[in-house]
C-alpha cells in the first residue's frame, strides 16, 4: 500500500502534441480536435480540480486507495473477459479475428436459425426473442441483405453514442457553436482520405471520423470517447490503434486527474513512423494494407462510407474495459469513476499516455 501511494504522489503530467499526417506526408498538422479539447480542459481547470468538497471530504483517503487497488487488481480479469468475448488481442500480439454473423461464444447465438425475411440483422432477432448475446460484437449488427453495419443500432444497444466529426467543418464555426459533420467535398477528399507512407510504413488517413462517446451526463464538454476513421474508398481502410480521450476528473477524496489521451505504445510509435520490436517489412505485412473494409448503413449521407473492421474490433476491445469502471449512472459518482478510469487505462499492458 505504501509503495502504491508513493507511486501516485510522484505522478506528473506533461502536455505534448500529437501530429497527424495528411496527403502522403507532404503536410504535417496538429490534431486540432485534441488541441481544442486540451484548451477547454486547461481553461476550465479550476472547475475540475476545485470542486465543492462538502460531504465528499468526509470520505477517508484509505477508502479511496482501497478502491484504486480493487480496480488495479481487476485489470487482468477484464482483459481475460475480453478474450472470452472473442475480441482481438493487443495490436502486437495478433492481427484480426475472422468475420461472421455468428462469431460469438454464446450458445444462444450459435444455435439460432436466423429469419432473414423478418429481421434486418442478427441482433434484432436475438433481442426480439430474448436471447443472450454479446452487445459489443458489432458483427451481430450487420445487415443480412447487404452486410452493411447498422452502426446507430449498435451504439443504441449500449451506453454509447456516435457523432460525426471533421477538422475542417469544426473549424468553420470559428468561435460560434461547433459544427459536427463529415467533410465530403470532392475537392478535399483526395488530400485527406488517402494512403501515404512514413519511414517506409504504409498507412492511410481520413479527415472524417466517427466519435464513439460514452453517455456520461457529467462529461458533456469532453466525454470519454474513441475515434474511428471513415473513408469513401474501401481501399483506404487501414488499421490504426485506438486513441482514448478521458476528461479531467476528481475522486471522492478530492484528488484530481487531468485530461488525458491514451493509446497503445505500439500504435503511438507507428503513428510517428517507428516500428516496435519488428522491422518495417514486418509491420507492412501485418498492417500496411486495408483490413476487412466494412460498409456503413448511413442513409443520411448520399454516398458509400467505409470503416476498417480491424478498427471496429479495437474499439470493441476497450468498450467493456471502460464500461466496467462505471458501476452506476449516478452523476454524483461519475467524476469518481472517470478518475478510476485514468488509473485503469494506465495499468493496461502496453498502454501509453500520449497527452
Protein backbone atom coordinates (compact mmCIF):
# COMPACT_ATOMS: atom_id res chain seq x y z
CA UNK A 1 0.00 0.00 0.00
CA UNK A 2 2.81 2.45 0.88
CA UNK A 3 4.51 1.79 -2.47
CA UNK A 4 1.28 2.42 -4.39
CA UNK A 5 0.63 5.69 -2.55
CA UNK A 6 4.18 6.85 -3.25
CA UNK A 7 3.73 5.99 -6.94
CA UNK A 8 0.54 8.03 -7.22
CA UNK A 9 2.05 11.04 -5.46
CA UNK A 10 5.01 11.04 -7.80
CA UNK A 11 2.93 11.08 -11.00
CA UNK A 12 3.50 14.12 -13.16
CA UNK A 13 1.70 15.15 -16.33
CA UNK A 14 3.29 16.62 -19.42
CA UNK A 15 1.26 18.23 -22.21
CA UNK A 16 2.50 17.09 -25.59
CA UNK A 17 1.18 17.42 -29.11
CA UNK A 18 0.08 14.63 -31.43
CA UNK A 19 0.81 15.08 -35.10
CA UNK A 20 -1.30 13.69 -37.90
CA UNK A 21 -0.07 13.26 -41.44
CA UNK A 22 -2.13 14.11 -44.49
CA UNK A 23 -1.72 13.86 -48.25
CA UNK A 24 1.13 11.36 -48.43
CA UNK A 25 3.09 13.07 -45.63
CA UNK A 26 3.68 16.29 -47.51
CA UNK A 27 1.83 18.12 -44.78
CA UNK A 28 2.01 17.69 -41.01
CA UNK A 29 -0.62 19.41 -38.94
CA UNK A 30 -1.58 19.44 -35.28
CA UNK A 31 -4.62 17.42 -34.34
CA UNK A 32 -6.85 20.42 -33.89
CA UNK A 33 -9.56 18.46 -32.11
CA UNK A 34 -7.12 17.40 -29.39
CA UNK A 35 -5.74 20.94 -29.21
CA UNK A 36 -9.20 22.37 -28.73
CA UNK A 37 -10.08 19.84 -26.06
CA UNK A 38 -6.79 20.47 -24.25
CA UNK A 39 -7.57 24.18 -24.28
CA UNK A 40 -11.08 23.54 -22.99
CA UNK A 41 -9.70 21.44 -20.17
CA UNK A 42 -6.91 23.74 -19.06
CA UNK A 43 -9.04 26.88 -19.37
CA UNK A 44 -11.54 25.22 -17.06
CA UNK A 45 -9.04 23.52 -14.78
CA UNK A 46 -10.28 25.28 -11.68
CA UNK A 47 -13.75 23.87 -12.35
CA UNK A 48 -12.35 20.34 -12.44
CA UNK A 49 -9.91 20.49 -9.55
CA UNK A 50 -11.59 22.90 -7.16
CA UNK A 51 -14.88 21.09 -6.81
CA UNK A 52 -17.08 21.81 -3.85
CA UNK A 53 -15.96 19.26 -1.34
CA UNK A 54 -18.61 19.37 1.46
CA UNK A 55 -19.63 15.82 2.27
CA UNK A 56 -17.16 14.20 -0.08
CA UNK A 57 -14.26 15.31 2.11
CA UNK A 58 -15.73 13.23 4.89
CA UNK A 59 -14.71 10.12 2.98
CA UNK A 60 -11.32 8.86 4.07
CA UNK A 61 -8.19 8.60 1.96
CA UNK A 62 -7.99 4.93 2.87
CA UNK A 63 -11.36 4.17 1.28
CA UNK A 64 -10.29 5.82 -1.98
CA UNK A 65 -6.99 3.95 -2.05
CA UNK A 66 -8.75 0.65 -1.45
CA UNK A 67 -11.00 1.40 -4.42
CA UNK A 68 -7.98 2.14 -6.60
CA UNK A 69 -6.30 -1.11 -5.56
CA UNK A 70 -9.51 -3.03 -6.29
CA UNK A 71 -9.67 -1.64 -9.82
CA UNK A 72 -5.99 -2.34 -10.38
CA UNK A 73 -6.45 -5.99 -9.50
CA UNK A 74 -9.42 -6.14 -11.87
CA UNK A 75 -7.43 -5.08 -14.94
CA UNK A 76 -6.19 -8.52 -15.88
CA UNK A 77 -9.56 -10.07 -15.16
CA UNK A 78 -11.17 -7.60 -17.58
CA UNK A 79 -8.65 -8.45 -20.27
CA UNK A 80 -9.38 -12.13 -19.80
CA UNK A 81 -13.08 -11.38 -20.14
CA UNK A 82 -12.42 -9.51 -23.41
CA UNK A 83 -10.66 -12.62 -24.69
CA UNK A 84 -13.62 -14.80 -23.81
CA UNK A 85 -15.88 -12.44 -25.74
CA UNK A 86 -13.87 -13.17 -28.86
CA UNK A 87 -12.28 -9.74 -29.17
CA UNK A 88 -8.92 -9.31 -30.80
CA UNK A 89 -5.70 -9.36 -28.73
CA UNK A 90 -3.33 -6.44 -28.34
CA UNK A 91 -2.07 -4.99 -31.61
CA UNK A 92 1.38 -6.56 -31.40
CA UNK A 93 0.01 -9.96 -30.46
CA UNK A 94 -2.39 -10.62 -33.32
CA UNK A 95 -3.88 -9.11 -36.43
CA UNK A 96 -7.62 -9.62 -36.56
CA UNK A 97 -10.43 -12.03 -35.97
CA UNK A 98 -12.49 -13.70 -38.65
CA UNK A 99 -15.79 -12.21 -39.71
CA UNK A 100 -19.18 -13.84 -39.40
CA UNK A 101 -22.65 -13.02 -38.13
CA UNK A 102 -22.49 -15.77 -35.51
CA UNK A 103 -18.90 -15.28 -34.31
CA UNK A 104 -19.50 -15.40 -30.56
CA UNK A 105 -19.02 -17.93 -27.80
CA UNK A 106 -22.63 -17.55 -26.64
CA UNK A 107 -24.58 -20.72 -27.44
CA UNK A 108 -27.83 -18.75 -27.78
CA UNK A 109 -26.28 -17.07 -30.82
CA UNK A 110 -24.63 -20.15 -32.27
CA UNK A 111 -27.83 -22.22 -32.30
CA UNK A 112 -30.15 -19.60 -33.79
CA UNK A 113 -31.82 -20.12 -37.15
CA UNK A 114 -31.98 -16.57 -38.45
CA UNK A 115 -35.17 -15.37 -40.11
CA UNK A 116 -33.70 -13.06 -42.75
CA UNK A 117 -37.14 -12.22 -44.14
CA UNK A 118 -38.50 -10.92 -40.83
CA UNK A 119 -35.40 -9.30 -39.34
CA UNK A 120 -32.75 -6.98 -40.76
CA UNK A 121 -29.73 -8.12 -38.74
CA UNK A 122 -28.89 -10.85 -36.18
CA UNK A 123 -29.02 -8.74 -33.00
CA UNK A 124 -32.51 -7.53 -33.92
CA UNK A 125 -33.81 -11.10 -33.90
CA UNK A 126 -31.83 -12.10 -30.82
CA UNK A 127 -33.23 -9.17 -28.84
CA UNK A 128 -36.79 -9.85 -30.03
CA UNK A 129 -36.51 -13.48 -28.92
CA UNK A 130 -35.00 -12.58 -25.55
CA UNK A 131 -31.74 -14.39 -26.21
CA UNK A 132 -28.39 -13.55 -24.64
CA UNK A 133 -25.73 -12.11 -26.93
CA UNK A 134 -22.57 -10.05 -26.79
CA UNK A 135 -23.64 -6.43 -27.26
CA UNK A 136 -20.05 -5.43 -28.08
CA UNK A 137 -19.97 -7.77 -31.09
CA UNK A 138 -20.59 -5.35 -33.97
CA UNK A 139 -20.86 -8.24 -36.44
CA UNK A 140 -24.25 -9.08 -34.97
CA UNK A 141 -25.42 -5.70 -36.29
CA UNK A 142 -24.52 -6.28 -39.94
CA UNK A 143 -27.50 -6.41 -42.29
CA UNK A 144 -28.45 -9.80 -43.72
CA UNK A 145 -29.06 -8.39 -47.18
CA UNK A 146 -26.08 -6.07 -47.78
CA UNK A 147 -23.62 -6.75 -44.95
CA UNK A 148 -23.73 -3.05 -44.03
CA UNK A 149 -23.11 -2.24 -40.37
CA UNK A 150 -26.11 -0.72 -38.58
CA UNK A 151 -23.78 1.44 -36.54
CA UNK A 152 -26.52 3.53 -34.92
CA UNK A 153 -28.37 0.40 -33.78
CA UNK A 154 -25.10 -0.96 -32.38
CA UNK A 155 -24.38 2.03 -30.15
CA UNK A 156 -28.05 2.31 -29.19
CA UNK A 157 -27.80 -1.18 -27.69
CA UNK A 158 -25.09 0.06 -25.31
CA UNK A 159 -24.46 3.13 -23.18
CA UNK A 160 -22.65 4.81 -26.08
CA UNK A 161 -23.46 7.28 -28.86
CA UNK A 162 -21.78 8.41 -32.07
CA UNK A 163 -21.02 11.82 -33.55
CA UNK A 164 -19.70 12.83 -36.95
CA UNK A 165 -16.53 14.89 -36.96
CA UNK A 166 -14.11 16.55 -39.38
CA UNK A 167 -11.49 19.16 -38.51
CA UNK A 168 -12.46 21.36 -41.45
CA UNK A 169 -16.15 21.57 -40.60
CA UNK A 170 -15.44 22.03 -36.88
CA UNK A 171 -13.02 24.85 -37.63
CA UNK A 172 -15.54 26.55 -39.92
CA UNK A 173 -17.60 27.58 -36.89
CA UNK A 174 -14.81 29.99 -35.88
CA UNK A 175 -15.77 30.69 -32.31
CA UNK A 176 -19.50 30.01 -32.59
CA UNK A 177 -21.18 26.74 -31.68
CA UNK A 178 -19.08 23.87 -33.01
CA UNK A 179 -20.21 22.02 -36.11
CA UNK A 180 -20.18 18.23 -36.04
CA UNK A 181 -20.42 16.83 -39.56
CA UNK A 182 -18.36 15.00 -42.17
CA UNK A 183 -16.45 16.95 -44.80
CA UNK A 184 -17.24 15.10 -48.03
CA UNK A 185 -16.34 17.81 -50.55
CA UNK A 186 -14.89 16.22 -53.65
CA UNK A 187 -12.13 18.81 -53.88
CA UNK A 188 -10.66 17.90 -50.47
CA UNK A 189 -11.21 14.13 -50.31
CA UNK A 190 -8.10 13.25 -52.39
CA UNK A 191 -5.97 15.17 -49.91
CA UNK A 192 -7.46 13.97 -46.63
CA UNK A 193 -8.79 10.49 -47.41
CA UNK A 194 -5.72 8.85 -48.88
CA UNK A 195 -2.89 6.37 -48.49
CA UNK A 196 0.58 7.55 -47.55
CA UNK A 197 3.98 6.25 -46.44
CA UNK A 198 6.04 7.41 -43.46
CA UNK A 199 9.52 5.99 -42.92
CA UNK A 200 8.58 3.11 -45.21
CA UNK A 201 5.44 2.23 -43.22
CA UNK A 202 2.27 2.18 -45.32
CA UNK A 203 -0.77 3.89 -43.78
CA UNK A 204 -3.93 5.78 -44.59
CA UNK A 205 -5.51 8.93 -43.21
CA UNK A 206 -9.01 10.39 -43.13
CA UNK A 207 -10.35 13.82 -42.33
CA UNK A 208 -13.69 12.25 -41.42
CA UNK A 209 -14.24 10.39 -38.16
CA UNK A 210 -16.95 8.88 -36.05
CA UNK A 211 -16.60 9.61 -32.35
CA UNK A 212 -17.77 6.78 -30.10
CA UNK A 213 -18.69 8.56 -26.88
CA UNK A 214 -19.83 7.08 -23.61
CA UNK A 215 -23.03 8.61 -22.29
CA UNK A 216 -21.61 10.27 -19.18
CA UNK A 217 -24.02 13.08 -18.38
CA UNK A 218 -21.45 14.88 -16.23
CA UNK A 219 -18.83 14.96 -19.02
CA UNK A 220 -20.72 16.88 -21.67
CA UNK A 221 -17.79 19.14 -22.61
CA UNK A 222 -15.23 16.35 -23.15
CA UNK A 223 -16.78 12.90 -22.93
CA UNK A 224 -14.90 9.63 -22.71
CA UNK A 225 -14.52 8.85 -26.40
CA UNK A 226 -12.73 6.90 -29.11
CA UNK A 227 -12.49 7.89 -32.78
CA UNK A 228 -12.87 5.78 -35.93
CA UNK A 229 -11.64 6.82 -39.36
CA UNK A 230 -14.37 6.95 -42.02
CA UNK A 231 -13.40 6.53 -45.68
CA UNK A 232 -15.12 6.90 -49.05
CA UNK A 233 -12.99 4.12 -50.56
CA UNK A 234 -12.64 0.63 -49.03
CA UNK A 235 -9.01 0.58 -50.20
CA UNK A 236 -8.19 3.16 -47.51
CA UNK A 237 -9.45 1.11 -44.55
CA UNK A 238 -6.05 0.51 -42.96
CA UNK A 239 -5.79 -0.41 -39.25
CA UNK A 240 -4.94 2.23 -36.68
CA UNK A 241 -4.69 1.76 -32.92
CA UNK A 242 -7.47 3.44 -30.96
CA UNK A 243 -6.89 6.65 -29.03
CA UNK A 244 -9.00 7.01 -25.89
CA UNK A 245 -9.82 10.52 -24.68
CA UNK A 246 -10.62 10.83 -20.97
CA UNK A 247 -11.70 14.13 -19.37
CA UNK A 248 -10.28 15.54 -16.18
CA UNK A 249 -11.85 14.12 -13.05
CA UNK A 250 -11.83 14.26 -9.25
CA UNK A 251 -12.35 11.33 -6.92
CA UNK A 252 -14.43 11.35 -3.75
CA UNK A 253 -11.39 12.25 -1.69
CA UNK A 254 -10.72 15.38 -3.76
CA UNK A 255 -7.68 14.13 -5.69
CA UNK A 256 -7.67 15.14 -9.36
CA UNK A 257 -6.58 13.69 -12.68
CA UNK A 258 -6.13 15.99 -15.72
CA UNK A 259 -7.49 15.49 -19.22
CA UNK A 260 -5.52 12.76 -20.99
CA UNK A 261 -5.35 10.74 -24.20
CA UNK A 262 -4.24 7.09 -24.13
CA UNK A 263 -3.02 4.78 -26.89
CA UNK A 264 -1.05 1.55 -27.04
CA UNK A 265 2.67 2.31 -27.29
CA UNK A 266 2.89 0.11 -30.39
CA UNK A 267 0.42 2.31 -32.26
CA UNK A 268 1.74 5.56 -30.85
CA UNK A 269 5.18 4.65 -32.24
CA UNK A 270 3.58 3.58 -35.50
CA UNK A 271 1.82 6.95 -35.91
CA UNK A 272 5.26 8.56 -35.73
CA UNK A 273 6.74 6.17 -38.29
CA UNK A 274 8.57 3.99 -35.75
CA UNK A 275 8.37 0.20 -35.67
CA UNK A 276 8.23 -1.57 -32.28
CA UNK A 277 10.18 -4.83 -31.88
CA UNK A 278 9.86 -5.61 -35.59
CA UNK A 279 11.08 -4.44 -38.98
CA UNK A 280 9.18 -2.09 -41.27
CA UNK A 281 8.59 -5.02 -43.62
CA UNK A 282 7.05 -6.99 -40.75
CA UNK A 283 4.75 -4.08 -39.94
CA UNK A 284 3.67 -3.66 -43.56
CA UNK A 285 2.97 -7.37 -43.90
CA UNK A 286 0.59 -7.23 -40.92
CA UNK A 287 -0.89 -3.74 -41.07
CA UNK A 288 0.32 -1.90 -44.19
CA UNK A 289 -2.86 -2.63 -46.14
CA UNK A 290 -6.64 -2.42 -45.71
CA UNK A 291 -8.10 -4.96 -43.29
CA UNK A 292 -11.74 -6.02 -43.52
CA UNK A 293 -13.43 -2.92 -45.00
CA UNK A 294 -17.00 -2.64 -43.71
CA UNK A 295 -19.65 -0.53 -45.39
CA UNK A 296 -21.78 1.56 -43.02
CA UNK A 297 -25.55 1.74 -43.20
CA UNK A 298 -25.69 5.53 -43.22
CA UNK A 299 -28.78 6.78 -45.06
CA UNK A 300 -28.21 10.44 -44.09
CA UNK A 301 -25.18 10.58 -46.43
CA UNK A 302 -25.73 10.11 -50.14
CA UNK A 303 -22.58 8.10 -50.79
CA UNK A 304 -20.90 4.90 -49.62
CA UNK A 305 -18.90 5.15 -46.37
CA UNK A 306 -16.45 2.50 -45.13
CA UNK A 307 -14.56 1.74 -41.94
CA UNK A 308 -11.98 -0.89 -41.05
CA UNK A 309 -13.34 -3.98 -39.31
CA UNK A 310 -9.98 -4.21 -37.56
CA UNK A 311 -10.54 -0.76 -36.06
CA UNK A 312 -14.07 -1.71 -35.01
CA UNK A 313 -12.59 -4.71 -33.19
CA UNK A 314 -10.09 -2.43 -31.47
CA UNK A 315 -12.81 -0.07 -30.26
CA UNK A 316 -14.95 -3.03 -29.15
CA UNK A 317 -11.96 -4.32 -27.18
CA UNK A 318 -11.92 -1.20 -25.00
CA UNK A 319 -15.66 -0.67 -24.57
CA UNK A 320 -16.18 -3.33 -21.84
CA UNK A 321 -13.00 -2.20 -20.08
CA UNK A 322 -14.30 1.37 -19.95
CA UNK A 323 -17.85 0.34 -19.05
CA UNK A 324 -16.65 -1.85 -16.19
CA UNK A 325 -15.43 1.21 -14.29
CA UNK A 326 -18.84 2.90 -14.23
CA UNK A 327 -20.79 0.93 -11.64
CA UNK A 328 -23.90 3.12 -11.96
CA UNK A 329 -25.17 6.17 -13.85
CA UNK A 330 -25.18 8.49 -10.85
CA UNK A 331 -23.96 12.00 -11.72
CA UNK A 332 -22.56 12.25 -8.18
CA UNK A 333 -20.23 9.28 -8.81
CA UNK A 334 -19.39 9.99 -12.44
CA UNK A 335 -16.24 12.04 -11.82
CA UNK A 336 -15.00 9.49 -9.30
CA UNK A 337 -15.42 6.66 -11.82
CA UNK A 338 -13.69 8.70 -14.51
CA UNK A 339 -10.79 9.26 -12.09
CA UNK A 340 -10.52 5.48 -11.69
CA UNK A 341 -10.67 5.04 -15.47
CA UNK A 342 -7.45 7.05 -15.81
CA UNK A 343 -5.73 4.67 -13.42
CA UNK A 344 -7.17 1.58 -15.09
CA UNK A 345 -6.07 2.61 -18.60
CA UNK A 346 -2.55 3.41 -17.41
CA UNK A 347 -2.43 -0.04 -15.83
CA UNK A 348 -3.16 -1.87 -19.10
CA UNK A 349 -0.09 -3.63 -20.55
CA UNK A 350 1.44 -1.66 -23.41
CA UNK A 351 -0.70 1.44 -22.84
CA UNK A 352 0.86 4.92 -23.09
CA UNK A 353 -0.48 8.29 -22.03
CA UNK A 354 0.21 10.42 -25.11
CA UNK A 355 -1.25 13.65 -23.69
